[in-house]
Amino acid sequence: MKSIVAGREPVTATEFVELALGIDLELFTGSPTESAMDRAARLDVAREVLAELRESDPETAAYAESLLRALPLKQARPTGRHTRRTAQRPLHHRAPGAAVAA
C-alpha cells in the first residue's frame, strides 16, 4: 500500500513527516555543513515559524520545539587547516647482537 500525503508520495520517513506536518525538518534540526552565520539565521527563522505554529497548531509546535532541542547527528569539522595523519608501521626492536632473518 502506498502512502500519499498532500498528493505527493514520500520516499523516506523524513519526507513523510515533512509532508504530513507541513514543516521542513532541516529548518529545526540544521545541517552538518552549515556555518555559524547560517545556523544563526536558520534559528531566527525557526523561532519565528515556531511562534506561528504555537498559535495555529500546538501539537506540531511541540514536535518542532523538540527538534530544536535535539543535538545534531553530525557536527561539521572546523574550517582550519588539517594535518594529514599517516599510518606508520611499528618498529620491531631486536636484541643487541641478534642476527637479522632474511
PDB file of N, CA and C in Angstrom:
ATOM      1  N   MET A   1       0.836  -1.167   0.000  1.00  0.00           N
ATOM      2  CA  MET A   1       0.000   0.000   0.000  1.00  0.00           C
ATOM      3  C   MET A   1       0.892   1.244   0.000  1.00  0.00           C
ATOM      4  N   LYS A   2       0.550   2.190  -0.845  1.00  0.00           N
ATOM      5  CA  LYS A   2       1.332   3.410  -0.948  1.00  0.00           C
ATOM      6  C   LYS A   2       0.817   4.454   0.022  1.00  0.00           C
ATOM      7  N   SER A   3       1.733   5.239   0.542  1.00  0.00           N
ATOM      8  CA  SER A   3       1.351   6.354   1.400  1.00  0.00           C
ATOM      9  C   SER A   3       1.440   7.630   0.580  1.00  0.00           C
ATOM     10  N   ILE A   4       0.342   8.307   0.444  1.00  0.00           N
ATOM     11  CA  ILE A   4       0.322   9.559  -0.297  1.00  0.00           C
ATOM     12  C   ILE A   4      -0.161  10.650   0.643  1.00  0.00           C
ATOM     13  N   VAL A   5       0.628  11.718   0.746  1.00  0.00           N
ATOM     14  CA  VAL A   5       0.306  12.837   1.620  1.00  0.00           C
ATOM     15  C   VAL A   5       0.270  14.090   0.763  1.00  0.00           C
ATOM     16  N   ALA A   6      -0.813  14.804   0.845  1.00  0.00           N
ATOM     17  CA  ALA A   6      -0.976  16.065   0.116  1.00  0.00           C
ATOM     18  C   ALA A   6      -0.708  15.877  -1.376  1.00  0.00           C
ATOM     19  N   GLY A   7      -1.137  14.744  -1.921  1.00  0.00           N
ATOM     20  CA  GLY A   7      -0.957  14.486  -3.343  1.00  0.00           C
ATOM     21  C   GLY A   7       0.440  14.089  -3.756  1.00  0.00           C
ATOM     22  N   ARG A   8       1.335  13.902  -2.803  1.00  0.00           N
ATOM     23  CA  ARG A   8       2.717  13.513  -3.113  1.00  0.00           C
ATOM     24  C   ARG A   8       3.041  12.207  -2.422  1.00  0.00           C
ATOM     25  N   GLU A   9       3.921  11.442  -3.022  1.00  0.00           N
ATOM     26  CA  GLU A   9       4.329  10.160  -2.450  1.00  0.00           C
ATOM     27  C   GLU A   9       5.710  10.297  -1.816  1.00  0.00           C
ATOM     28  N   PRO A  10       5.797  10.293  -0.489  1.00  0.00           N
ATOM     29  CA  PRO A  10       7.097  10.421   0.170  1.00  0.00           C
ATOM     30  C   PRO A  10       7.927   9.150  -0.023  1.00  0.00           C
ATOM     31  N   VAL A  11       9.227   9.336  -0.168  1.00  0.00           N
ATOM     32  CA  VAL A  11      10.134   8.209  -0.363  1.00  0.00           C
ATOM     33  C   VAL A  11      10.746   7.764   0.961  1.00  0.00           C
ATOM     34  N   THR A  12      11.042   8.725   1.826  1.00  0.00           N
ATOM     35  CA  THR A  12      11.670   8.404   3.110  1.00  0.00           C
ATOM     36  C   THR A  12      10.732   8.782   4.255  1.00  0.00           C
ATOM     37  N   ALA A  13      11.061   8.308   5.434  1.00  0.00           N
ATOM     38  CA  ALA A  13      10.269   8.651   6.628  1.00  0.00           C
ATOM     39  C   ALA A  13      10.328  10.148   6.894  1.00  0.00           C
ATOM     40  N   THR A  14      11.479  10.752   6.647  1.00  0.00           N
ATOM     41  CA  THR A  14      11.627  12.193   6.845  1.00  0.00           C
ATOM     42  C   THR A  14      10.699  12.960   5.914  1.00  0.00           C
ATOM     43  N   GLU A  15      10.650  12.551   4.649  1.00  0.00           N
ATOM     44  CA  GLU A  15       9.747  13.208   3.704  1.00  0.00           C
ATOM     45  C   GLU A  15       8.294  13.042   4.136  1.00  0.00           C
ATOM     46  N   PHE A  16       7.957  11.882   4.659  1.00  0.00           N
ATOM     47  CA  PHE A  16       6.591  11.640   5.118  1.00  0.00           C
ATOM     48  C   PHE A  16       6.226  12.609   6.242  1.00  0.00           C
ATOM     49  N   VAL A  17       7.127  12.762   7.211  1.00  0.00           N
ATOM     50  CA  VAL A  17       6.876  13.669   8.333  1.00  0.00           C
ATOM     51  C   VAL A  17       6.756  15.109   7.835  1.00  0.00           C
ATOM     52  N   GLU A  18       7.663  15.503   6.924  1.00  0.00           N
ATOM     53  CA  GLU A  18       7.626  16.863   6.398  1.00  0.00           C
ATOM     54  C   GLU A  18       6.304  17.147   5.689  1.00  0.00           C
ATOM     55  N   LEU A  19       5.854  16.193   4.879  1.00  0.00           N
ATOM     56  CA  LEU A  19       4.595  16.392   4.151  1.00  0.00           C
ATOM     57  C   LEU A  19       3.392  16.349   5.093  1.00  0.00           C
ATOM     58  N   ALA A  20       3.411  15.436   6.040  1.00  0.00           N
ATOM     59  CA  ALA A  20       2.271  15.293   6.955  1.00  0.00           C
ATOM     60  C   ALA A  20       2.126  16.497   7.873  1.00  0.00           C
ATOM     61  N   LEU A  21       3.248  17.012   8.366  1.00  0.00           N
ATOM     62  CA  LEU A  21       3.197  18.132   9.309  1.00  0.00           C
ATOM     63  C   LEU A  21       3.270  19.491   8.632  1.00  0.00           C
ATOM     64  N   GLY A  22       3.778  19.508   7.409  1.00  0.00           N
ATOM     65  CA  GLY A  22       3.895  20.778   6.694  1.00  0.00           C
ATOM     66  C   GLY A  22       5.056  21.633   7.161  1.00  0.00           C
ATOM     67  N   ILE A  23       6.078  21.011   7.736  1.00  0.00           N
ATOM     68  CA  ILE A  23       7.259  21.764   8.168  1.00  0.00           C
ATOM     69  C   ILE A  23       8.508  21.129   7.573  1.00  0.00           C
ATOM     70  N   ASP A  24       9.515  21.957   7.385  1.00  0.00           N
ATOM     71  CA  ASP A  24      10.809  21.488   6.896  1.00  0.00           C
ATOM     72  C   ASP A  24      11.644  21.080   8.104  1.00  0.00           C
ATOM     73  N   LEU A  25      11.933  19.787   8.224  1.00  0.00           N
ATOM     74  CA  LEU A  25      12.669  19.311   9.404  1.00  0.00           C
ATOM     75  C   LEU A  25      14.050  19.935   9.514  1.00  0.00           C
ATOM     76  N   GLU A  26      14.711  20.177   8.385  1.00  0.00           N
ATOM     77  CA  GLU A  26      16.062  20.735   8.427  1.00  0.00           C
ATOM     78  C   GLU A  26      16.067  22.154   9.004  1.00  0.00           C
ATOM     79  N   LEU A  27      14.935  22.855   8.888  1.00  0.00           N
ATOM     80  CA  LEU A  27      14.834  24.177   9.500  1.00  0.00           C
ATOM     81  C   LEU A  27      15.033  24.084  11.006  1.00  0.00           C
ATOM     82  N   PHE A  28      14.559  23.007  11.604  1.00  0.00           N
ATOM     83  CA  PHE A  28      14.646  22.851  13.054  1.00  0.00           C
ATOM     84  C   PHE A  28      15.837  22.012  13.500  1.00  0.00           C
ATOM     85  N   THR A  29      16.355  21.154  12.625  1.00  0.00           N
ATOM     86  CA  THR A  29      17.469  20.286  13.019  1.00  0.00           C
ATOM     87  C   THR A  29      18.818  20.782  12.535  1.00  0.00           C
ATOM     88  N   GLY A  30      18.850  21.525  11.457  1.00  0.00           N
ATOM     89  CA  GLY A  30      20.105  22.032  10.925  1.00  0.00           C
ATOM     90  C   GLY A  30      20.781  21.058   9.994  1.00  0.00           C
ATOM     91  N   SER A  31      21.923  21.487   9.508  1.00  0.00           N
ATOM     92  CA  SER A  31      22.713  20.697   8.580  1.00  0.00           C
ATOM     93  C   SER A  31      24.134  20.589   9.109  1.00  0.00           C
ATOM     94  N   PRO A  32      24.767  19.447   8.943  1.00  0.00           N
ATOM     95  CA  PRO A  32      26.141  19.310   9.450  1.00  0.00           C
ATOM     96  C   PRO A  32      27.136  20.247   8.767  1.00  0.00           C
ATOM     97  N   THR A  33      26.783  20.781   7.605  1.00  0.00           N
ATOM     98  CA  THR A  33      27.729  21.612   6.857  1.00  0.00           C
ATOM     99  C   THR A  33      27.461  23.112   7.008  1.00  0.00           C
ATOM    100  N   GLU A  34      26.472  23.494   7.823  1.00  0.00           N
ATOM    101  CA  GLU A  34      26.150  24.919   7.914  1.00  0.00           C
ATOM    102  C   GLU A  34      27.194  25.676   8.731  1.00  0.00           C
ATOM    103  N   SER A  35      27.419  26.916   8.326  1.00  0.00           N
ATOM    104  CA  SER A  35      28.360  27.771   9.048  1.00  0.00           C
ATOM    105  C   SER A  35      27.663  28.350  10.281  1.00  0.00           C
ATOM    106  N   ALA A  36      28.423  28.994  11.132  1.00  0.00           N
ATOM    107  CA  ALA A  36      27.853  29.602  12.329  1.00  0.00           C
ATOM    108  C   ALA A  36      26.853  30.695  11.957  1.00  0.00           C
ATOM    109  N   MET A  37      27.167  31.451  10.903  1.00  0.00           N
ATOM    110  CA  MET A  37      26.260  32.515  10.463  1.00  0.00           C
ATOM    111  C   MET A  37      24.968  31.919   9.885  1.00  0.00           C
ATOM    112  N   ASP A  38      25.105  30.853   9.097  1.00  0.00           N
ATOM    113  CA  ASP A  38      23.923  30.178   8.553  1.00  0.00           C
ATOM    114  C   ASP A  38      23.072  29.602   9.681  1.00  0.00           C
ATOM    115  N   ARG A  39      23.723  29.046  10.689  1.00  0.00           N
ATOM    116  CA  ARG A  39      22.997  28.466  11.823  1.00  0.00           C
ATOM    117  C   ARG A  39      22.197  29.536  12.560  1.00  0.00           C
ATOM    118  N   ALA A  40      22.820  30.679  12.793  1.00  0.00           N
ATOM    119  CA  ALA A  40      22.132  31.766  13.494  1.00  0.00           C
ATOM    120  C   ALA A  40      20.914  32.234  12.697  1.00  0.00           C
ATOM    121  N   ALA A  41      21.067  32.379  11.385  1.00  0.00           N
ATOM    122  CA  ALA A  41      19.952  32.805  10.540  1.00  0.00           C
ATOM    123  C   ALA A  41      18.843  31.754  10.538  1.00  0.00           C
ATOM    124  N   ARG A  42      19.233  30.475  10.440  1.00  0.00           N
ATOM    125  CA  ARG A  42      18.244  29.386  10.431  1.00  0.00           C
ATOM    126  C   ARG A  42      17.462  29.361  11.739  1.00  0.00           C
ATOM    127  N   LEU A  43      18.164  29.530  12.859  1.00  0.00           N
ATOM    128  CA  LEU A  43      17.496  29.512  14.158  1.00  0.00           C
ATOM    129  C   LEU A  43      16.543  30.698  14.330  1.00  0.00           C
ATOM    130  N   ASP A  44      16.908  31.857  13.778  1.00  0.00           N
ATOM    131  CA  ASP A  44      15.999  33.011  13.835  1.00  0.00           C
ATOM    132  C   ASP A  44      14.691  32.694  13.112  1.00  0.00           C
ATOM    133  N   VAL A  45      14.795  32.128  11.915  1.00  0.00           N
ATOM    134  CA  VAL A  45      13.606  31.776  11.139  1.00  0.00           C
ATOM    135  C   VAL A  45      12.818  30.677  11.852  1.00  0.00           C
ATOM    136  N   ALA A  46      13.521  29.687  12.382  1.00  0.00           N
ATOM    137  CA  ALA A  46      12.854  28.579  13.081  1.00  0.00           C
ATOM    138  C   ALA A  46      12.054  29.090  14.275  1.00  0.00           C
ATOM    139  N   ARG A  47      12.597  30.048  15.009  1.00  0.00           N
ATOM    140  CA  ARG A  47      11.870  30.609  16.162  1.00  0.00           C
ATOM    141  C   ARG A  47      10.608  31.343  15.715  1.00  0.00           C
ATOM    142  N   GLU A  48      10.688  32.065  14.594  1.00  0.00           N
ATOM    143  CA  GLU A  48       9.508  32.757  14.065  1.00  0.00           C
ATOM    144  C   GLU A  48       8.438  31.763  13.634  1.00  0.00           C
ATOM    145  N   VAL A  49       8.859  30.712  12.927  1.00  0.00           N
ATOM    146  CA  VAL A  49       7.914  29.678  12.488  1.00  0.00           C
ATOM    147  C   VAL A  49       7.303  28.993  13.701  1.00  0.00           C
ATOM    148  N   LEU A  50       8.123  28.727  14.703  1.00  0.00           N
ATOM    149  CA  LEU A  50       7.642  28.075  15.915  1.00  0.00           C
ATOM    150  C   LEU A  50       6.595  28.935  16.630  1.00  0.00           C
ATOM    151  N   ALA A  51       6.814  30.235  16.677  1.00  0.00           N
ATOM    152  CA  ALA A  51       5.847  31.138  17.318  1.00  0.00           C
ATOM    153  C   ALA A  51       4.501  31.083  16.590  1.00  0.00           C
ATOM    154  N   GLU A  52       4.532  31.039  15.247  1.00  0.00           N
ATOM    155  CA  GLU A  52       3.287  30.941  14.481  1.00  0.00           C
ATOM    156  C   GLU A  52       2.628  29.579  14.682  1.00  0.00           C
ATOM    157  N   LEU A  53       3.434  28.531  14.739  1.00  0.00           N
ATOM    158  CA  LEU A  53       2.893  27.187  14.939  1.00  0.00           C
ATOM    159  C   LEU A  53       2.209  27.047  16.302  1.00  0.00           C
ATOM    160  N   ARG A  54       2.767  27.699  17.313  1.00  0.00           N
ATOM    161  CA  ARG A  54       2.168  27.617  18.654  1.00  0.00           C
ATOM    162  C   ARG A  54       0.731  28.124  18.642  1.00  0.00           C
ATOM    163  N   GLU A  55       0.466  29.121  17.806  1.00  0.00           N
ATOM    164  CA  GLU A  55      -0.885  29.670  17.705  1.00  0.00           C
ATOM    165  C   GLU A  55      -1.807  28.795  16.864  1.00  0.00           C
ATOM    166  N   SER A  56      -1.283  28.279  15.746  1.00  0.00           N
ATOM    167  CA  SER A  56      -2.137  27.554  14.803  1.00  0.00           C
ATOM    168  C   SER A  56      -2.197  26.050  15.039  1.00  0.00           C
ATOM    169  N   ASP A  57      -1.081  25.459  15.482  1.00  0.00           N
ATOM    170  CA  ASP A  57      -1.029  24.003  15.638  1.00  0.00           C
ATOM    171  C   ASP A  57      -0.092  23.646  16.799  1.00  0.00           C
ATOM    172  N   PRO A  58      -0.598  23.703  18.024  1.00  0.00           N
ATOM    173  CA  PRO A  58       0.259  23.464  19.192  1.00  0.00           C
ATOM    174  C   PRO A  58       0.944  22.101  19.202  1.00  0.00           C
ATOM    175  N   GLU A  59       0.290  21.081  18.662  1.00  0.00           N
ATOM    176  CA  GLU A  59       0.893  19.740  18.646  1.00  0.00           C
ATOM    177  C   GLU A  59       2.121  19.698  17.740  1.00  0.00           C
ATOM    178  N   THR A  60       1.998  20.270  16.550  1.00  0.00           N
ATOM    179  CA  THR A  60       3.147  20.331  15.641  1.00  0.00           C
ATOM    180  C   THR A  60       4.226  21.240  16.215  1.00  0.00           C
ATOM    181  N   ALA A  61       3.819  22.304  16.878  1.00  0.00           N
ATOM    182  CA  ALA A  61       4.781  23.210  17.511  1.00  0.00           C
ATOM    183  C   ALA A  61       5.602  22.474  18.566  1.00  0.00           C
ATOM    184  N   ALA A  62       4.954  21.628  19.350  1.00  0.00           N
ATOM    185  CA  ALA A  62       5.674  20.861  20.374  1.00  0.00           C
ATOM    186  C   ALA A  62       6.697  19.931  19.731  1.00  0.00           C
ATOM    187  N   TYR A  63       6.317  19.316  18.611  1.00  0.00           N
ATOM    188  CA  TYR A  63       7.253  18.432  17.898  1.00  0.00           C
ATOM    189  C   TYR A  63       8.430  19.237  17.351  1.00  0.00           C
ATOM    190  N   ALA A  64       8.139  20.383  16.726  1.00  0.00           N
ATOM    191  CA  ALA A  64       9.193  21.226  16.164  1.00  0.00           C
ATOM    192  C   ALA A  64      10.129  21.717  17.261  1.00  0.00           C
ATOM    193  N   GLU A  65       9.571  22.063  18.400  1.00  0.00           N
ATOM    194  CA  GLU A  65      10.385  22.522  19.521  1.00  0.00           C
ATOM    195  C   GLU A  65      11.317  21.417  20.024  1.00  0.00           C
ATOM    196  N   SER A  66      10.832  20.192  20.024  1.00  0.00           N
ATOM    197  CA  SER A  66      11.694  19.076  20.441  1.00  0.00           C
ATOM    198  C   SER A  66      12.837  18.876  19.451  1.00  0.00           C
ATOM    199  N   LEU A  67      12.579  19.154  18.171  1.00  0.00           N
ATOM    200  CA  LEU A  67      13.648  19.054  17.172  1.00  0.00           C
ATOM    201  C   LEU A  67      14.722  20.108  17.415  1.00  0.00           C
ATOM    202  N   LEU A  68      14.303  21.295  17.838  1.00  0.00           N
ATOM    203  CA  LEU A  68      15.276  22.354  18.141  1.00  0.00           C
ATOM    204  C   LEU A  68      16.186  21.972  19.306  1.00  0.00           C
ATOM    205  N   ARG A  69      15.652  21.227  20.262  1.00  0.00           N
ATOM    206  CA  ARG A  69      16.444  20.832  21.435  1.00  0.00           C
ATOM    207  C   ARG A  69      17.346  19.637  21.149  1.00  0.00           C
ATOM    208  N   ALA A  70      17.064  18.906  20.079  1.00  0.00           N
ATOM    209  CA  ALA A  70      17.860  17.712  19.760  1.00  0.00           C
ATOM    210  C   ALA A  70      19.244  18.112  19.278  1.00  0.00           C
ATOM    211  N   LEU A  71      20.213  17.308  19.628  1.00  0.00           N
ATOM    212  CA  LEU A  71      21.570  17.548  19.150  1.00  0.00           C
ATOM    213  C   LEU A  71      21.676  17.118  17.691  1.00  0.00           C
ATOM    214  N   PRO A  72      22.441  17.845  16.886  1.00  0.00           N
ATOM    215  CA  PRO A  72      22.642  17.414  15.504  1.00  0.00           C
ATOM    216  C   PRO A  72      23.307  16.042  15.485  1.00  0.00           C
ATOM    217  N   LEU A  73      22.990  15.259  14.474  1.00  0.00           N
ATOM    218  CA  LEU A  73      23.577  13.930  14.362  1.00  0.00           C
ATOM    219  C   LEU A  73      25.061  13.995  14.091  1.00  0.00           C
ATOM    220  N   LYS A  74      25.481  14.995  13.350  1.00  0.00           N
ATOM    221  CA  LYS A  74      26.867  15.072  12.936  1.00  0.00           C
ATOM    222  C   LYS A  74      27.288  16.534  12.924  1.00  0.00           C
ATOM    223  N   GLN A  75      28.397  16.846  13.528  1.00  0.00           N
ATOM    224  CA  GLN A  75      28.884  18.216  13.555  1.00  0.00           C
ATOM    225  C   GLN A  75      29.847  18.441  12.399  1.00  0.00           C
ATOM    226  N   ALA A  76      29.838  19.638  11.864  1.00  0.00           N
ATOM    227  CA  ALA A  76      30.780  19.995  10.804  1.00  0.00           C
ATOM    228  C   ALA A  76      32.172  20.139  11.409  1.00  0.00           C
ATOM    229  N   ARG A  77      33.186  19.835  10.627  1.00  0.00           N
ATOM    230  CA  ARG A  77      34.558  19.992  11.094  1.00  0.00           C
ATOM    231  C   ARG A  77      34.935  21.464  11.071  1.00  0.00           C
ATOM    232  N   PRO A  78      35.812  21.885  11.950  1.00  0.00           N
ATOM    233  CA  PRO A  78      36.284  23.271  11.906  1.00  0.00           C
ATOM    234  C   PRO A  78      36.926  23.551  10.554  1.00  0.00           C
ATOM    235  N   THR A  79      36.880  24.804  10.111  1.00  0.00           N
ATOM    236  CA  THR A  79      37.384  25.132   8.781  1.00  0.00           C
ATOM    237  C   THR A  79      38.878  25.432   8.767  1.00  0.00           C
ATOM    238  N   GLY A  80      39.573  25.243   9.871  1.00  0.00           N
ATOM    239  CA  GLY A  80      41.014  25.484   9.923  1.00  0.00           C
ATOM    240  C   GLY A  80      41.781  24.432   9.133  1.00  0.00           C
ATOM    241  N   ARG A  81      43.078  24.615   9.062  1.00  0.00           N
ATOM    242  CA  ARG A  81      43.909  23.653   8.327  1.00  0.00           C
ATOM    243  C   ARG A  81      44.010  22.357   9.103  1.00  0.00           C
ATOM    244  N   HIS A  82      44.018  21.287   8.374  1.00  0.00           N
ATOM    245  CA  HIS A  82      44.129  19.968   8.984  1.00  0.00           C
ATOM    246  C   HIS A  82      45.421  19.315   8.520  1.00  0.00           C
ATOM    247  N   THR A  83      46.060  18.621   9.419  1.00  0.00           N
ATOM    248  CA  THR A  83      47.239  17.869   9.031  1.00  0.00           C
ATOM    249  C   THR A  83      46.812  16.444   8.747  1.00  0.00           C
ATOM    250  N   ARG A  84      47.435  15.876   7.774  1.00  0.00           N
ATOM    251  CA  ARG A  84      47.090  14.511   7.403  1.00  0.00           C
ATOM    252  C   ARG A  84      47.872  13.547   8.279  1.00  0.00           C
ATOM    253  N   ARG A  85      47.164  12.603   8.813  1.00  0.00           N
ATOM    254  CA  ARG A  85      47.816  11.569   9.613  1.00  0.00           C
ATOM    255  C   ARG A  85      48.171  10.422   8.691  1.00  0.00           C
ATOM    256  N   THR A  86      49.330   9.892   8.891  1.00  0.00           N
ATOM    257  CA  THR A  86      49.733   8.741   8.097  1.00  0.00           C
ATOM    258  C   THR A  86      49.933   7.556   9.017  1.00  0.00           C
ATOM    259  N   ALA A  87      49.610   6.414   8.500  1.00  0.00           N
ATOM    260  CA  ALA A  87      49.799   5.197   9.287  1.00  0.00           C
ATOM    261  C   ALA A  87      51.279   4.829   9.258  1.00  0.00           C
ATOM    262  N   GLN A  88      51.794   4.472  10.380  1.00  0.00           N
ATOM    263  CA  GLN A  88      53.187   4.060  10.457  1.00  0.00           C
ATOM    264  C   GLN A  88      53.249   2.652  11.014  1.00  0.00           C
ATOM    265  N   ARG A  89      54.131   1.880  10.439  1.00  0.00           N
ATOM    266  CA  ARG A  89      54.334   0.522  10.950  1.00  0.00           C
ATOM    267  C   ARG A  89      55.162   0.604  12.220  1.00  0.00           C
ATOM    268  N   PRO A  90      54.820  -0.218  13.187  1.00  0.00           N
ATOM    269  CA  PRO A  90      55.614  -0.196  14.418  1.00  0.00           C
ATOM    270  C   PRO A  90      57.027  -0.722  14.135  1.00  0.00           C
ATOM    271  N   LEU A  91      57.984  -0.133  14.811  1.00  0.00           N
ATOM    272  CA  LEU A  91      59.369  -0.593  14.663  1.00  0.00           C
ATOM    273  C   LEU A  91      59.551  -1.844  15.511  1.00  0.00           C
ATOM    274  N   HIS A  92      60.150  -2.841  14.907  1.00  0.00           N
ATOM    275  CA  HIS A  92      60.426  -4.070  15.647  1.00  0.00           C
ATOM    276  C   HIS A  92      61.854  -3.986  16.170  1.00  0.00           C
ATOM    277  N   HIS A  93      61.959  -4.036  17.443  1.00  0.00           N
ATOM    278  CA  HIS A  93      63.288  -3.961  18.062  1.00  0.00           C
ATOM    279  C   HIS A  93      63.843  -5.373  18.230  1.00  0.00           C
ATOM    280  N   ARG A  94      65.109  -5.487  18.032  1.00  0.00           N
ATOM    281  CA  ARG A  94      65.745  -6.788  18.243  1.00  0.00           C
ATOM    282  C   ARG A  94      66.831  -6.633  19.294  1.00  0.00           C
ATOM    283  N   ALA A  95      67.119  -7.713  19.877  1.00  0.00           N
ATOM    284  CA  ALA A  95      68.151  -7.701  20.928  1.00  0.00           C
ATOM    285  C   ALA A  95      69.491  -7.404  20.298  1.00  0.00           C
ATOM    286  N   PRO A  96      70.367  -6.668  21.035  1.00  0.00           N
ATOM    287  CA  PRO A  96      71.703  -6.384  20.507  1.00  0.00           C
ATOM    288  C   PRO A  96      72.453  -7.678  20.183  1.00  0.00           C
ATOM    289  N   GLY A  97      73.073  -7.685  19.005  1.00  0.00           N
ATOM    290  CA  GLY A  97      73.841  -8.851  18.594  1.00  0.00           C
ATOM    291  C   GLY A  97      73.007  -9.939  17.965  1.00  0.00           C
ATOM    292  N   ALA A  98      71.677  -9.776  17.868  1.00  0.00           N
ATOM    293  CA  ALA A  98      70.823 -10.794  17.264  1.00  0.00           C
ATOM    294  C   ALA A  98      70.946 -10.709  15.744  1.00  0.00           C
ATOM    295  N   ALA A  99      70.885 -11.840  15.099  1.00  0.00           N
ATOM    296  CA  ALA A  99      71.007 -11.889  13.654  1.00  0.00           C
ATOM    297  C   ALA A  99      69.698 -11.453  13.018  1.00  0.00           C
ATOM    298  N   VAL A 100      69.791 -10.848  11.834  1.00  0.00           N
ATOM    299  CA  VAL A 100      68.618 -10.405  11.108  1.00  0.00           C
ATOM    300  C   VAL A 100      68.206 -11.522  10.172  1.00  0.00           C
ATOM    301  N   ALA A 101      66.949 -11.945  10.224  1.00  0.00           N
ATOM    302  CA  ALA A 101      66.463 -13.007   9.346  1.00  0.00           C
ATOM    303  C   ALA A 101      66.154 -12.414   7.998  1.00  0.00           C
ATOM    304  N   ALA A 102      66.495 -13.161   6.946  1.00  0.00           N
ATOM    305  CA  ALA A 102      66.237 -12.670   5.593  1.00  0.00           C
ATOM    306  C   ALA A 102      64.985 -13.260   5.012  1.00  0.00           C
TER     307      ALA A 102
END
